[in-house]
Amino acid sequence: MDITDRLLRSQVHVLANEAFHRHLISGYGDGEYADQYQIVYQGKPRHLPLEQARAFLSTLISLNSCKTQV
């Protein structure tokens, strides 16, 4: 795993932690494969590529932030 992958994984982990503490997801962690991340959303574990996981979590947090500001 190169430095770019480690940085991306770190970003995904930070986003997942934030989403977890906001109660948007119920679990997260490294996936079975090095290029995946597991996110438990609506009770179902999802194994996503790191880029997809980052986009999913960013969108989820952003949408939740918009709802709480209204």
C-alpha atoms as a PDB file:
ATOM      1  CA  MET A   1       0.000   0.000   0.000  1.00  0.00           C
ATOM      2  CA  ASP A   2       1.516   3.319  -1.016  1.00  0.00           C
ATOM      3  CA  ILE A   3       1.289   6.672   0.740  1.00  0.00           C
ATOM      4  CA  THR A   4      -1.692   7.808  -1.361  1.00  0.00           C
ATOM      5  CA  ASP A   5      -3.712   4.749  -0.352  1.00  0.00           C
ATOM      6  CA  ARG A   6      -2.810   5.245   3.296  1.00  0.00           C
ATOM      7  CA  LEU A   7      -3.848   8.898   3.149  1.00  0.00           C
ATOM      8  CA  LEU A   8      -7.133   8.006   1.468  1.00  0.00           C
ATOM      9  CA  ARG A   9      -7.811   5.253   4.037  1.00  0.00           C
ATOM     10  CA  SER A  10      -7.075   7.731   6.824  1.00  0.00           C
ATOM     11  CA  GLN A  11      -9.514  10.267   5.349  1.00  0.00           C
ATOM     12  CA  VAL A  12     -12.203   7.592   5.049  1.00  0.00           C
ATOM     13  CA  HIS A  13     -11.610   6.535   8.649  1.00  0.00           C
ATOM     14  CA  VAL A  14     -12.005  10.126   9.910  1.00  0.00           C
ATOM     15  CA  LEU A  15     -15.228  10.568   7.926  1.00  0.00           C
ATOM     16  CA  ALA A  16     -16.576   7.210   9.121  1.00  0.00           C
ATOM     17  CA  ASN A  17     -15.817   8.114  12.717  1.00  0.00           C
ATOM     18  CA  GLU A  18     -17.681  11.406  12.336  1.00  0.00           C
ATOM     19  CA  ALA A  19     -20.659   9.697  10.660  1.00  0.00           C
ATOM     20  CA  PHE A  20     -20.719   7.086  13.415  1.00  0.00           C
ATOM     21  CA  HIS A  21     -20.773   9.696  16.169  1.00  0.00           C
ATOM     22  CA  ARG A  22     -23.590  11.513  14.377  1.00  0.00           C
ATOM     23  CA  HIS A  23     -25.502   8.199  14.311  1.00  0.00           C
ATOM     24  CA  LEU A  24     -25.596   8.149  10.513  1.00  0.00           C
ATOM     25  CA  ILE A  25     -23.913   4.729  10.304  1.00  0.00           C
ATOM     26  CA  SER A  26     -23.819   1.931  12.849  1.00  0.00           C
ATOM     27  CA  GLY A  27     -20.327   0.610  12.180  1.00  0.00           C
ATOM     28  CA  TYR A  28     -17.188   0.895  10.082  1.00  0.00           C
ATOM     29  CA  GLY A  29     -13.744  -0.586   9.601  1.00  0.00           C
ATOM     30  CA  ASP A  30     -11.231  -2.021   7.193  1.00  0.00           C
ATOM     31  CA  GLY A  31     -12.722  -4.288   4.583  1.00  0.00           C
ATOM     32  CA  GLU A  32     -11.639  -7.792   3.760  1.00  0.00           C
ATOM     33  CA  TYR A  33      -9.498  -6.471   0.922  1.00  0.00           C
ATOM     34  CA  ALA A  34      -6.855  -3.736   1.143  1.00  0.00           C
ATOM     35  CA  ASP A  35      -8.651  -1.457  -1.323  1.00  0.00           C
ATOM     36  CA  GLN A  36     -12.038  -1.620   0.447  1.00  0.00           C
ATOM     37  CA  TYR A  37     -13.666  -0.154   3.524  1.00  0.00           C
ATOM     38  CA  GLN A  38     -16.672  -1.587   5.335  1.00  0.00           C
ATOM     39  CA  ILE A  39     -19.515   0.710   6.333  1.00  0.00           C
ATOM     40  CA  VAL A  40     -22.622  -0.526   8.124  1.00  0.00           C
ATOM     41  CA  TYR A  41     -25.478   1.638   6.861  1.00  0.00           C
ATOM     42  CA  GLN A  42     -29.135   0.962   7.644  1.00  0.00           C
ATOM     43  CA  GLY A  43     -28.132  -2.311   9.276  1.00  0.00           C
ATOM     44  CA  LYS A  44     -26.353  -3.698   6.221  1.00  0.00           C
ATOM     45  CA  PRO A  45     -22.583  -3.996   5.848  1.00  0.00           C
ATOM     46  CA  ARG A  46     -21.320  -2.519   2.600  1.00  0.00           C
ATOM     47  CA  HIS A  47     -17.835  -3.101   1.248  1.00  0.00           C
ATOM     48  CA  LEU A  48     -16.861  -0.095  -0.828  1.00  0.00           C
ATOM     49  CA  PRO A  49     -13.700   0.888  -2.673  1.00  0.00           C
ATOM     50  CA  LEU A  50     -11.920   3.652  -0.751  1.00  0.00           C
ATOM     51  CA  GLU A  51     -12.848   6.415  -3.212  1.00  0.00           C
ATOM     52  CA  GLN A  52     -16.504   5.388  -3.132  1.00  0.00           C
ATOM     53  CA  ALA A  53     -16.479   5.145   0.651  1.00  0.00           C
ATOM     54  CA  ARG A  54     -15.081   8.670   0.932  1.00  0.00           C
ATOM     55  CA  ALA A  55     -17.699  10.052  -1.459  1.00  0.00           C
ATOM     56  CA  PHE A  56     -20.532   8.184   0.280  1.00  0.00           C
ATOM     57  CA  LEU A  57     -19.534   9.355   3.759  1.00  0.00           C
ATOM     58  CA  SER A  58     -18.925  12.939   2.638  1.00  0.00           C
ATOM     59  CA  THR A  59     -22.363  13.080   1.035  1.00  0.00           C
ATOM     60  CA  LEU A  60     -24.047  11.492   4.047  1.00  0.00           C
ATOM     61  CA  ILE A  61     -22.442  13.958   6.456  1.00  0.00           C
ATOM     62  CA  SER A  62     -23.139  16.902   4.167  1.00  0.00           C
ATOM     63  CA  LEU A  63     -26.816  15.994   3.766  1.00  0.00           C
ATOM     64  CA  ASN A  64     -27.167  15.576   7.516  1.00  0.00           C
ATOM     65  CA  SER A  65     -25.522  18.956   8.112  1.00  0.00           C
ATOM     66  CA  CYS A  66     -28.014  20.633   5.777  1.00  0.00           C
ATOM     67  CA  LYS A  67     -30.951  19.068   7.636  1.00  0.00           C
ATOM     68  CA  THR A  68     -29.734  20.179  11.036  1.00  0.00           C
ATOM     69  CA  GLN A  69     -29.204  23.772   9.879  1.00  0.00           C
ATOM     70  CA  VAL A  70     -32.802  24.203   8.673  1.00  0.00           C
END
